[in-house]
Amino acid sequence: MTAPQSVWQVKPWWCQPWSIVLTGTGLIGGSWLLLHRVWLTGLVAMPVLAWMGFFVLVYPRLWAEAVQDHGETESGV
């Protein structure tokens, strides 16, 4: 059985890059619209940007490496 080419092929709609970016942007923008405080919006933005960065950039790369390693193990390379 072959693995999907992309991690996004196995994730539901609410865990796609567009939904992660849209949610994060909405949280940061909503914080600004609600609070009008740069420092509070910054406090909200730091963990949200870390979460977005991990799930949009880091996680797919780790997944691809794991799939590649698993494929090499199965083929005996």
Protein backbone atom coordinates (compact mmCIF):
# COMPACT_ATOMS: atom_id res chain seq x y z
CA MET A 1 0.00 0.00 0.00
CA THR A 2 1.42 3.38 -0.94
CA ALA A 3 1.27 6.41 1.32
CA PRO A 4 -0.41 9.62 0.17
CA GLN A 5 1.91 12.12 -1.52
CA SER A 6 0.97 14.89 0.91
CA VAL A 7 -0.10 15.02 4.53
CA TRP A 8 -2.96 17.28 3.43
CA GLN A 9 -4.53 14.36 1.54
CA VAL A 10 -5.25 12.59 4.82
CA LYS A 11 -6.37 15.60 6.85
CA PRO A 12 -10.00 16.78 7.15
CA TRP A 13 -11.11 20.16 5.76
CA TRP A 14 -10.67 21.93 9.09
CA CYS A 15 -7.01 20.93 9.21
CA GLN A 16 -5.96 22.15 5.76
CA PRO A 17 -3.39 24.94 5.29
CA TRP A 18 -6.03 27.45 4.19
CA SER A 19 -8.18 26.80 7.27
CA ILE A 20 -5.20 27.01 9.62
CA VAL A 21 -4.04 30.32 8.12
CA LEU A 22 -7.59 31.69 8.01
CA THR A 23 -8.26 30.75 11.64
CA GLY A 24 -4.95 32.18 12.85
CA THR A 25 -5.42 35.39 10.91
CA GLY A 26 -8.95 35.66 12.24
CA LEU A 27 -7.79 35.21 15.83
CA ILE A 28 -5.08 37.84 15.50
CA GLY A 29 -7.34 40.27 13.62
CA GLY A 30 -10.20 39.65 16.03
CA SER A 31 -7.91 40.39 18.94
CA TRP A 32 -7.01 43.73 17.40
CA LEU A 33 -10.62 44.60 16.54
CA LEU A 34 -11.83 43.67 20.01
CA LEU A 35 -9.01 45.04 22.17
CA HIS A 36 -7.25 47.76 20.11
CA ARG A 37 -4.06 47.12 22.07
CA VAL A 38 -0.85 46.32 20.22
CA TRP A 39 0.73 44.56 23.17
CA LEU A 40 -2.32 42.33 23.78
CA THR A 41 -2.60 41.51 20.09
CA GLY A 42 1.12 40.71 20.16
CA LEU A 43 0.55 38.34 23.07
CA VAL A 44 -2.22 36.64 21.12
CA ALA A 45 -0.18 36.61 17.91
CA MET A 46 2.92 34.89 19.32
CA PRO A 47 1.38 31.50 20.15
CA VAL A 48 -1.00 31.66 17.18
CA LEU A 49 1.88 32.29 14.75
CA ALA A 50 3.87 29.49 16.39
CA TRP A 51 0.89 27.14 15.98
CA MET A 52 0.39 28.19 12.36
CA GLY A 53 4.09 27.84 11.58
CA PHE A 54 4.26 24.39 13.08
CA PHE A 55 1.19 22.98 11.34
CA VAL A 56 1.74 24.64 7.96
CA LEU A 57 5.54 24.42 7.66
CA VAL A 58 7.13 22.00 10.14
CA TYR A 59 4.57 19.20 10.46
CA PRO A 60 4.25 18.50 6.70
CA ARG A 61 8.04 18.31 6.40
CA LEU A 62 8.29 15.89 9.33
CA TRP A 63 5.48 13.80 7.88
CA ALA A 64 7.19 13.60 4.48
CA GLU A 65 10.46 12.55 6.11
CA ALA A 66 8.69 9.86 8.12
CA VAL A 67 6.94 8.53 5.01
CA GLN A 68 10.24 8.50 3.13
CA ASP A 69 12.01 6.70 6.00
CA HIS A 70 9.22 4.18 6.24
CA GLY A 71 9.40 3.52 2.50
CA GLU A 72 13.15 2.99 2.65
CA THR A 73 12.75 0.59 5.57
CA GLU A 74 10.15 -1.48 3.73
CA SER A 75 12.20 -1.67 0.54
CA GLY A 76 15.36 -2.57 2.44
CA VAL A 77 17.36 0.40 1.15
